[in-house]
Amino acid sequence: MKKIVRTILVYAEEIVSAFFISITVSMVIVNVFFRYVLNRGIFWSEEVATIAFVWSVFVGAAACHKHKMHISIDLFSRLAPKPLKKSVRMLAHLIMIVLNTYIVYLSVVFVRASSIKPTAVLGISSSYVSSAVLVGFALMTIHSVGFFFKELRGGMPAEEGA
C-alpha cells in the first residue's frame, strides 16, 4: 500500500495531466458523435475540453520540468572550464527559480483579476481556468528549488538535464 501511495505522489503531475488530457479527448469525441450522428451538439463540451486542455498543458509542463525534458540552453555549462561547470549550472537553477517565482506572482495577480469574470458558457469563475498557470509554475518552482539543492549537495552530474 505504501508503494502505491508513493508511486502516486511521485507521478502526481503525470497522473493529473493524463486525467485532464483524457477529459479533453473524451469531450471532443463525444461531441463529434453527438453532432454528426445524433445531430445535437453538447453546447458546453468545447469549454470543458478547453479548460481541461489548459490544465493538462500547465501541469504537464511541470511534469516535463521535473524530468528535465524541456529544451534548455546548456551551452554555457558545456563550454565552461571544469571547475566552473557546477557554478554555471547552479546559476542556471537560480535563474529558473527567480523566473518561475516571478511567474507564480504574476499568476496570483491574474487569478485574482479573473475571479470576477465568468466563463462564456458554463458561467463559472475564470479563476478555475487561470489557476492552472499558478499551479503549473508553482510546481516548476518547487522542482527548480529541488534541482538547486541537489546540485549544491553534489548530487547532479554534469550530463543530467542536457
N, C-alpha and C. Protein backbone atom coordinates (compact mmCIF):
# COMPACT_ATOMS: atom_id res chain seq x y z
N MET A 1 0.82 -1.20 0.00
CA MET A 1 0.00 0.00 0.00
C MET A 1 0.86 1.27 0.00
N LYS A 2 1.95 1.24 0.81
CA LYS A 2 2.84 2.39 0.85
C LYS A 2 3.48 2.64 -0.51
N LYS A 3 3.79 1.55 -1.20
CA LYS A 3 4.43 1.68 -2.52
C LYS A 3 3.47 2.33 -3.52
N ILE A 4 2.20 1.99 -3.45
CA ILE A 4 1.20 2.58 -4.36
C ILE A 4 1.05 4.07 -4.08
N VAL A 5 0.95 4.43 -2.81
CA VAL A 5 0.81 5.84 -2.44
C VAL A 5 2.05 6.62 -2.87
N ARG A 6 3.22 6.04 -2.65
CA ARG A 6 4.46 6.70 -3.04
C ARG A 6 4.52 6.90 -4.55
N THR A 7 4.12 5.89 -5.30
CA THR A 7 4.11 5.98 -6.76
C THR A 7 3.15 7.07 -7.23
N ILE A 8 1.99 7.14 -6.60
CA ILE A 8 1.01 8.17 -6.96
C ILE A 8 1.58 9.55 -6.67
N LEU A 9 2.25 9.71 -5.54
CA LEU A 9 2.83 11.01 -5.20
C LEU A 9 3.99 11.38 -6.12
N VAL A 10 4.82 10.40 -6.46
CA VAL A 10 5.97 10.66 -7.34
C VAL A 10 5.49 11.08 -8.73
N TYR A 11 4.42 10.46 -9.21
CA TYR A 11 3.92 10.73 -10.56
C TYR A 11 2.63 11.56 -10.56
N ALA A 12 2.43 12.37 -9.54
CA ALA A 12 1.19 13.14 -9.42
C ALA A 12 0.95 14.04 -10.63
N GLU A 13 1.98 14.76 -11.06
CA GLU A 13 1.80 15.66 -12.20
C GLU A 13 1.41 14.90 -13.46
N GLU A 14 2.08 13.77 -13.69
CA GLU A 14 1.77 12.97 -14.88
C GLU A 14 0.35 12.43 -14.82
N ILE A 15 -0.08 11.99 -13.64
CA ILE A 15 -1.43 11.44 -13.47
C ILE A 15 -2.48 12.53 -13.70
N VAL A 16 -2.25 13.69 -13.10
CA VAL A 16 -3.21 14.80 -13.25
C VAL A 16 -3.26 15.26 -14.70
N SER A 17 -2.11 15.40 -15.33
CA SER A 17 -2.07 15.82 -16.73
C SER A 17 -2.76 14.80 -17.63
N ALA A 18 -2.50 13.53 -17.41
CA ALA A 18 -3.16 12.48 -18.20
C ALA A 18 -4.67 12.49 -17.99
N PHE A 19 -5.09 12.73 -16.76
CA PHE A 19 -6.53 12.81 -16.46
C PHE A 19 -7.17 13.94 -17.27
N PHE A 20 -6.55 15.11 -17.25
CA PHE A 20 -7.13 16.24 -17.96
C PHE A 20 -7.08 16.08 -19.48
N ILE A 21 -6.01 15.49 -20.01
CA ILE A 21 -5.98 15.28 -21.46
C ILE A 21 -7.00 14.22 -21.85
N SER A 22 -7.27 13.27 -20.97
CA SER A 22 -8.32 12.27 -21.23
C SER A 22 -9.70 12.92 -21.28
N ILE A 23 -9.93 13.87 -20.39
CA ILE A 23 -11.21 14.61 -20.43
C ILE A 23 -11.31 15.39 -21.73
N THR A 24 -10.23 16.04 -22.14
CA THR A 24 -10.23 16.80 -23.38
C THR A 24 -10.59 15.92 -24.57
N VAL A 25 -9.88 14.82 -24.71
CA VAL A 25 -10.11 13.91 -25.84
C VAL A 25 -11.52 13.32 -25.78
N SER A 26 -11.95 12.91 -24.60
CA SER A 26 -13.29 12.32 -24.44
C SER A 26 -14.39 13.31 -24.81
N MET A 27 -14.25 14.55 -24.35
CA MET A 27 -15.28 15.55 -24.65
C MET A 27 -15.35 15.83 -26.15
N VAL A 28 -14.21 15.88 -26.80
CA VAL A 28 -14.21 16.13 -28.25
C VAL A 28 -14.85 14.96 -28.99
N ILE A 29 -14.49 13.74 -28.63
CA ILE A 29 -15.04 12.56 -29.29
C ILE A 29 -16.55 12.47 -29.06
N VAL A 30 -16.98 12.66 -27.83
CA VAL A 30 -18.41 12.58 -27.52
C VAL A 30 -19.18 13.66 -28.27
N ASN A 31 -18.63 14.87 -28.31
CA ASN A 31 -19.33 15.95 -29.01
C ASN A 31 -19.38 15.70 -30.52
N VAL A 32 -18.33 15.14 -31.10
CA VAL A 32 -18.36 14.80 -32.52
C VAL A 32 -19.45 13.76 -32.79
N PHE A 33 -19.52 12.75 -31.93
CA PHE A 33 -20.57 11.74 -32.07
C PHE A 33 -21.95 12.37 -31.99
N PHE A 34 -22.18 13.19 -30.97
CA PHE A 34 -23.49 13.82 -30.81
C PHE A 34 -23.82 14.73 -31.98
N ARG A 35 -22.84 15.48 -32.45
CA ARG A 35 -23.08 16.44 -33.51
C ARG A 35 -23.36 15.77 -34.86
N TYR A 36 -22.56 14.77 -35.23
CA TYR A 36 -22.66 14.19 -36.57
C TYR A 36 -23.54 12.95 -36.64
N VAL A 37 -23.74 12.26 -35.54
CA VAL A 37 -24.59 11.08 -35.56
C VAL A 37 -25.99 11.42 -35.05
N LEU A 38 -26.08 12.15 -33.97
CA LEU A 38 -27.38 12.48 -33.38
C LEU A 38 -27.89 13.87 -33.77
N ASN A 39 -27.10 14.61 -34.52
CA ASN A 39 -27.45 15.97 -34.95
C ASN A 39 -27.77 16.90 -33.79
N ARG A 40 -27.14 16.67 -32.65
CA ARG A 40 -27.33 17.53 -31.48
C ARG A 40 -25.99 17.66 -30.76
N GLY A 41 -25.36 18.80 -30.86
CA GLY A 41 -24.09 19.01 -30.17
C GLY A 41 -24.30 19.30 -28.69
N ILE A 42 -23.28 19.06 -27.92
CA ILE A 42 -23.32 19.40 -26.50
C ILE A 42 -22.72 20.79 -26.38
N PHE A 43 -23.56 21.76 -26.02
CA PHE A 43 -23.14 23.15 -26.08
C PHE A 43 -21.98 23.50 -25.15
N TRP A 44 -21.80 22.81 -24.07
CA TRP A 44 -20.77 23.13 -23.10
C TRP A 44 -19.49 22.30 -23.28
N SER A 45 -19.48 21.35 -24.20
CA SER A 45 -18.34 20.43 -24.30
C SER A 45 -17.05 21.14 -24.74
N GLU A 46 -17.15 22.12 -25.62
CA GLU A 46 -15.95 22.81 -26.08
C GLU A 46 -15.27 23.56 -24.94
N GLU A 47 -16.07 24.18 -24.08
CA GLU A 47 -15.49 24.92 -22.96
C GLU A 47 -14.85 23.97 -21.94
N VAL A 48 -15.50 22.84 -21.68
CA VAL A 48 -14.93 21.85 -20.76
C VAL A 48 -13.63 21.29 -21.34
N ALA A 49 -13.64 20.98 -22.63
CA ALA A 49 -12.44 20.46 -23.29
C ALA A 49 -11.30 21.48 -23.23
N THR A 50 -11.61 22.73 -23.44
CA THR A 50 -10.59 23.78 -23.40
C THR A 50 -10.01 23.95 -22.00
N ILE A 51 -10.87 23.97 -21.00
CA ILE A 51 -10.41 24.09 -19.61
C ILE A 51 -9.52 22.90 -19.24
N ALA A 52 -9.95 21.71 -19.60
CA ALA A 52 -9.16 20.51 -19.31
C ALA A 52 -7.83 20.55 -20.05
N PHE A 53 -7.84 21.04 -21.27
CA PHE A 53 -6.60 21.13 -22.05
C PHE A 53 -5.61 22.11 -21.40
N VAL A 54 -6.12 23.24 -20.95
CA VAL A 54 -5.26 24.23 -20.29
C VAL A 54 -4.60 23.60 -19.05
N TRP A 55 -5.38 22.90 -18.25
CA TRP A 55 -4.83 22.25 -17.07
C TRP A 55 -3.81 21.18 -17.46
N SER A 56 -4.10 20.43 -18.50
CA SER A 56 -3.18 19.40 -18.95
C SER A 56 -1.85 19.99 -19.39
N VAL A 57 -1.89 21.11 -20.08
CA VAL A 57 -0.68 21.75 -20.58
C VAL A 57 0.20 22.25 -19.44
N PHE A 58 -0.37 22.98 -18.48
CA PHE A 58 0.46 23.57 -17.44
C PHE A 58 0.94 22.54 -16.41
N VAL A 59 0.10 21.59 -16.06
CA VAL A 59 0.56 20.54 -15.14
C VAL A 59 1.54 19.62 -15.88
N GLY A 60 1.28 19.37 -17.15
CA GLY A 60 2.20 18.58 -17.96
C GLY A 60 3.55 19.27 -18.13
N ALA A 61 3.54 20.58 -18.24
CA ALA A 61 4.80 21.33 -18.33
C ALA A 61 5.61 21.16 -17.05
N ALA A 62 4.93 21.14 -15.91
CA ALA A 62 5.62 20.91 -14.64
C ALA A 62 6.20 19.49 -14.59
N ALA A 63 5.46 18.53 -15.12
CA ALA A 63 5.96 17.15 -15.16
C ALA A 63 7.20 17.06 -16.05
N CYS A 64 7.17 17.74 -17.18
CA CYS A 64 8.34 17.75 -18.07
C CYS A 64 9.53 18.41 -17.39
N HIS A 65 9.28 19.49 -16.68
CA HIS A 65 10.36 20.18 -15.97
C HIS A 65 10.96 19.27 -14.91
N LYS A 66 10.11 18.53 -14.22
CA LYS A 66 10.57 17.61 -13.17
C LYS A 66 11.53 16.56 -13.74
N HIS A 67 11.27 16.12 -14.97
CA HIS A 67 12.10 15.11 -15.61
C HIS A 67 13.16 15.71 -16.54
N LYS A 68 13.30 17.05 -16.48
CA LYS A 68 14.27 17.79 -17.31
C LYS A 68 14.08 17.50 -18.79
N MET A 69 12.84 17.52 -19.23
CA MET A 69 12.52 17.23 -20.62
C MET A 69 12.33 18.50 -21.45
N HIS A 70 12.41 19.67 -20.82
CA HIS A 70 12.28 20.91 -21.57
C HIS A 70 13.57 21.20 -22.32
N ILE A 71 13.42 21.91 -23.40
CA ILE A 71 14.61 22.38 -24.12
C ILE A 71 15.35 23.33 -23.19
N SER A 72 16.64 23.13 -23.07
CA SER A 72 17.41 24.01 -22.20
C SER A 72 18.67 24.47 -22.93
N ILE A 73 19.15 25.59 -22.50
CA ILE A 73 20.38 26.11 -23.08
C ILE A 73 21.50 25.76 -22.11
N ASP A 74 22.21 24.71 -22.43
CA ASP A 74 23.30 24.27 -21.55
C ASP A 74 24.66 24.55 -22.18
N LEU A 75 24.66 25.39 -23.19
CA LEU A 75 25.90 25.70 -23.89
C LEU A 75 26.96 26.25 -22.93
N PHE A 76 26.55 27.15 -22.04
CA PHE A 76 27.50 27.78 -21.13
C PHE A 76 28.12 26.76 -20.18
N SER A 77 27.30 25.84 -19.66
CA SER A 77 27.87 24.85 -18.74
C SER A 77 28.75 23.84 -19.48
N ARG A 78 28.44 23.59 -20.74
CA ARG A 78 29.28 22.66 -21.52
C ARG A 78 30.60 23.30 -21.92
N LEU A 79 30.58 24.60 -22.22
CA LEU A 79 31.79 25.30 -22.65
C LEU A 79 32.64 25.80 -21.48
N ALA A 80 32.05 25.86 -20.30
CA ALA A 80 32.77 26.37 -19.14
C ALA A 80 33.89 25.42 -18.75
N PRO A 81 34.98 25.97 -18.22
CA PRO A 81 36.04 25.09 -17.71
C PRO A 81 35.48 24.20 -16.60
N LYS A 82 36.06 23.05 -16.44
CA LYS A 82 35.55 22.05 -15.49
C LYS A 82 35.30 22.62 -14.09
N PRO A 83 36.20 23.45 -13.54
CA PRO A 83 35.93 23.97 -12.18
C PRO A 83 34.70 24.88 -12.10
N LEU A 84 34.28 25.46 -13.23
CA LEU A 84 33.14 26.39 -13.22
C LEU A 84 31.82 25.74 -13.60
N LYS A 85 31.84 24.52 -14.09
CA LYS A 85 30.62 23.87 -14.58
C LYS A 85 29.52 23.85 -13.52
N LYS A 86 29.87 23.45 -12.30
CA LYS A 86 28.86 23.38 -11.24
C LYS A 86 28.30 24.76 -10.94
N SER A 87 29.15 25.77 -10.89
CA SER A 87 28.69 27.14 -10.61
C SER A 87 27.75 27.63 -11.70
N VAL A 88 28.07 27.32 -12.94
CA VAL A 88 27.22 27.74 -14.06
C VAL A 88 25.86 27.04 -13.97
N ARG A 89 25.86 25.74 -13.66
CA ARG A 89 24.60 25.01 -13.52
C ARG A 89 23.77 25.56 -12.36
N MET A 90 24.44 25.88 -11.26
CA MET A 90 23.73 26.44 -10.10
C MET A 90 23.14 27.80 -10.44
N LEU A 91 23.89 28.59 -11.20
CA LEU A 91 23.38 29.89 -11.64
C LEU A 91 22.14 29.70 -12.51
N ALA A 92 22.18 28.70 -13.38
CA ALA A 92 21.02 28.41 -14.24
C ALA A 92 19.81 28.02 -13.38
N HIS A 93 20.04 27.21 -12.35
CA HIS A 93 18.94 26.83 -11.46
C HIS A 93 18.39 28.06 -10.72
N LEU A 94 19.29 28.94 -10.28
CA LEU A 94 18.83 30.16 -9.60
C LEU A 94 18.01 31.04 -10.53
N ILE A 95 18.44 31.15 -11.77
CA ILE A 95 17.68 31.94 -12.75
C ILE A 95 16.28 31.34 -12.93
N MET A 96 16.21 30.01 -13.03
CA MET A 96 14.91 29.35 -13.16
C MET A 96 14.03 29.59 -11.93
N ILE A 97 14.63 29.55 -10.75
CA ILE A 97 13.87 29.81 -9.52
C ILE A 97 13.30 31.22 -9.54
N VAL A 98 14.13 32.19 -9.90
CA VAL A 98 13.69 33.58 -9.92
C VAL A 98 12.58 33.78 -10.97
N LEU A 99 12.80 33.27 -12.18
CA LEU A 99 11.80 33.45 -13.24
C LEU A 99 10.49 32.75 -12.89
N ASN A 100 10.57 31.51 -12.42
CA ASN A 100 9.35 30.78 -12.07
C ASN A 100 8.62 31.44 -10.91
N THR A 101 9.37 31.93 -9.92
CA THR A 101 8.73 32.61 -8.79
C THR A 101 8.03 33.87 -9.25
N TYR A 102 8.66 34.60 -10.15
CA TYR A 102 8.02 35.82 -10.68
C TYR A 102 6.74 35.46 -11.45
N ILE A 103 6.78 34.39 -12.23
CA ILE A 103 5.58 33.99 -12.96
C ILE A 103 4.49 33.51 -11.99
N VAL A 104 4.88 32.87 -10.89
CA VAL A 104 3.90 32.49 -9.87
C VAL A 104 3.22 33.75 -9.31
N TYR A 105 4.03 34.78 -9.02
CA TYR A 105 3.47 36.04 -8.54
C TYR A 105 2.49 36.63 -9.56
N LEU A 106 2.91 36.68 -10.83
CA LEU A 106 2.02 37.20 -11.87
C LEU A 106 0.76 36.34 -12.00
N SER A 107 0.89 35.05 -11.79
CA SER A 107 -0.25 34.15 -11.87
C SER A 107 -1.25 34.43 -10.76
N VAL A 108 -0.74 34.74 -9.57
CA VAL A 108 -1.64 35.09 -8.46
C VAL A 108 -2.43 36.35 -8.81
N VAL A 109 -1.74 37.34 -9.36
CA VAL A 109 -2.42 38.57 -9.79
C VAL A 109 -3.47 38.25 -10.85
N PHE A 110 -3.11 37.40 -11.80
CA PHE A 110 -4.02 37.03 -12.89
C PHE A 110 -5.23 36.26 -12.38
N VAL A 111 -5.02 35.33 -11.46
CA VAL A 111 -6.13 34.55 -10.90
C VAL A 111 -7.08 35.47 -10.15
N ARG A 112 -6.54 36.39 -9.37
CA ARG A 112 -7.39 37.35 -8.65
C ARG A 112 -8.22 38.19 -9.61
N ALA A 113 -7.57 38.66 -10.68
CA ALA A 113 -8.28 39.50 -11.65
C ALA A 113 -9.34 38.71 -12.41
N SER A 114 -9.07 37.44 -12.67
CA SER A 114 -10.02 36.65 -13.44
C SER A 114 -11.14 36.06 -12.59
N SER A 115 -11.05 36.19 -11.29
CA SER A 115 -12.06 35.58 -10.43
C SER A 115 -13.44 36.21 -10.58
N ILE A 116 -13.48 37.45 -11.01
CA ILE A 116 -14.79 38.12 -11.16
C ILE A 116 -15.39 37.91 -12.56
N LYS A 117 -14.61 37.34 -13.47
CA LYS A 117 -15.09 37.15 -14.84
C LYS A 117 -15.58 35.71 -15.01
N PRO A 118 -16.85 35.53 -15.36
CA PRO A 118 -17.33 34.16 -15.58
C PRO A 118 -16.96 33.65 -16.97
N THR A 119 -16.90 32.34 -17.10
CA THR A 119 -16.64 31.76 -18.42
C THR A 119 -17.88 31.95 -19.29
N ALA A 120 -17.69 31.88 -20.59
CA ALA A 120 -18.76 32.23 -21.54
C ALA A 120 -19.96 31.28 -21.47
N VAL A 121 -19.74 29.99 -21.37
CA VAL A 121 -20.84 29.03 -21.46
C VAL A 121 -21.26 28.50 -20.10
N LEU A 122 -20.31 28.03 -19.33
CA LEU A 122 -20.63 27.43 -18.03
C LEU A 122 -20.94 28.46 -16.97
N GLY A 123 -20.41 29.66 -17.13
CA GLY A 123 -20.67 30.72 -16.16
C GLY A 123 -19.91 30.56 -14.86
N ILE A 124 -18.89 29.70 -14.84
CA ILE A 124 -18.08 29.55 -13.63
C ILE A 124 -16.97 30.60 -13.65
N SER A 125 -16.36 30.83 -12.53
CA SER A 125 -15.29 31.82 -12.44
C SER A 125 -14.12 31.42 -13.34
N SER A 126 -13.61 32.38 -14.06
CA SER A 126 -12.45 32.13 -14.92
C SER A 126 -11.20 31.77 -14.11
N SER A 127 -11.25 32.02 -12.81
CA SER A 127 -10.09 31.69 -11.98
C SER A 127 -9.86 30.18 -11.93
N TYR A 128 -10.90 29.37 -12.19
CA TYR A 128 -10.71 27.92 -12.25
C TYR A 128 -9.81 27.55 -13.44
N VAL A 129 -9.88 28.32 -14.48
CA VAL A 129 -9.04 28.08 -15.65
C VAL A 129 -7.65 28.65 -15.42
N SER A 130 -7.58 29.91 -15.00
CA SER A 130 -6.29 30.58 -14.85
C SER A 130 -5.47 30.03 -13.69
N SER A 131 -6.09 29.31 -12.78
CA SER A 131 -5.34 28.68 -11.69
C SER A 131 -4.37 27.62 -12.20
N ALA A 132 -4.61 27.12 -13.39
CA ALA A 132 -3.70 26.14 -13.97
C ALA A 132 -2.30 26.72 -14.16
N VAL A 133 -2.23 27.98 -14.53
CA VAL A 133 -0.93 28.64 -14.70
C VAL A 133 -0.23 28.72 -13.34
N LEU A 134 -0.96 29.11 -12.33
CA LEU A 134 -0.41 29.22 -10.98
C LEU A 134 0.11 27.87 -10.48
N VAL A 135 -0.70 26.84 -10.62
CA VAL A 135 -0.31 25.50 -10.16
C VAL A 135 0.91 25.00 -10.94
N GLY A 136 0.87 25.13 -12.26
CA GLY A 136 1.97 24.65 -13.09
C GLY A 136 3.29 25.31 -12.75
N PHE A 137 3.29 26.64 -12.64
CA PHE A 137 4.55 27.33 -12.36
C PHE A 137 4.97 27.19 -10.90
N ALA A 138 4.03 27.01 -9.98
CA ALA A 138 4.40 26.73 -8.59
C ALA A 138 5.12 25.39 -8.51
N LEU A 139 4.61 24.40 -9.23
CA LEU A 139 5.28 23.09 -9.25
C LEU A 139 6.67 23.19 -9.89
N MET A 140 6.78 23.97 -10.96
CA MET A 140 8.09 24.14 -11.60
C MET A 140 9.07 24.85 -10.66
N THR A 141 8.57 25.80 -9.87
CA THR A 141 9.42 26.48 -8.90
C THR A 141 9.91 25.50 -7.84
N ILE A 142 9.02 24.66 -7.35
CA ILE A 142 9.39 23.65 -6.36
C ILE A 142 10.47 22.73 -6.92
N HIS A 143 10.28 22.27 -8.16
CA HIS A 143 11.28 21.39 -8.77
C HIS A 143 12.61 22.11 -8.98
N SER A 144 12.56 23.38 -9.37
CA SER A 144 13.79 24.15 -9.57
C SER A 144 14.56 24.30 -8.26
N VAL A 145 13.85 24.54 -7.17
CA VAL A 145 14.50 24.63 -5.86
C VAL A 145 15.14 23.28 -5.52
N GLY A 146 14.42 22.20 -5.81
CA GLY A 146 14.97 20.86 -5.57
C GLY A 146 16.23 20.62 -6.39
N PHE A 147 16.21 21.02 -7.66
CA PHE A 147 17.39 20.85 -8.52
C PHE A 147 18.58 21.65 -7.96
N PHE A 148 18.30 22.87 -7.50
CA PHE A 148 19.35 23.72 -6.96
C PHE A 148 20.02 23.06 -5.76
N PHE A 149 19.21 22.58 -4.81
CA PHE A 149 19.78 21.98 -3.61
C PHE A 149 20.43 20.64 -3.89
N LYS A 150 19.91 19.91 -4.86
CA LYS A 150 20.57 18.65 -5.25
C LYS A 150 21.94 18.95 -5.84
N GLU A 151 22.01 19.97 -6.67
CA GLU A 151 23.29 20.39 -7.25
C GLU A 151 24.24 20.88 -6.16
N LEU A 152 23.71 21.62 -5.20
CA LEU A 152 24.51 22.16 -4.10
C LEU A 152 25.14 21.03 -3.29
N ARG A 153 24.40 19.95 -3.09
CA ARG A 153 24.91 18.79 -2.36
C ARG A 153 25.80 17.91 -3.22
N GLY A 154 25.91 18.24 -4.50
CA GLY A 154 26.76 17.46 -5.40
C GLY A 154 26.08 16.24 -5.97
N GLY A 155 24.75 16.19 -5.95
CA GLY A 155 24.02 15.02 -6.41
C GLY A 155 23.65 15.03 -7.86
N MET A 156 23.99 16.07 -8.62
CA MET A 156 23.59 16.15 -10.01
C MET A 156 24.80 16.09 -10.92
N PRO A 157 24.94 15.04 -11.72
CA PRO A 157 26.07 15.01 -12.63
C PRO A 157 25.92 16.03 -13.74
N ALA A 158 27.02 16.38 -14.37
CA ALA A 158 27.02 17.41 -15.41
C ALA A 158 26.13 17.04 -16.58
N GLU A 159 25.99 15.75 -16.89
CA GLU A 159 25.23 15.34 -18.07
C GLU A 159 23.73 15.39 -17.83
N GLU A 160 23.28 15.39 -16.56
CA GLU A 160 21.85 15.36 -16.27
C GLU A 160 21.20 16.64 -16.73
N GLY A 161 20.10 16.51 -17.42
CA GLY A 161 19.37 17.66 -17.91
C GLY A 161 19.89 18.17 -19.23
N ALA A 162 20.88 17.54 -19.79
CA ALA A 162 21.45 18.01 -21.05
C ALA A 162 20.64 17.54 -22.21
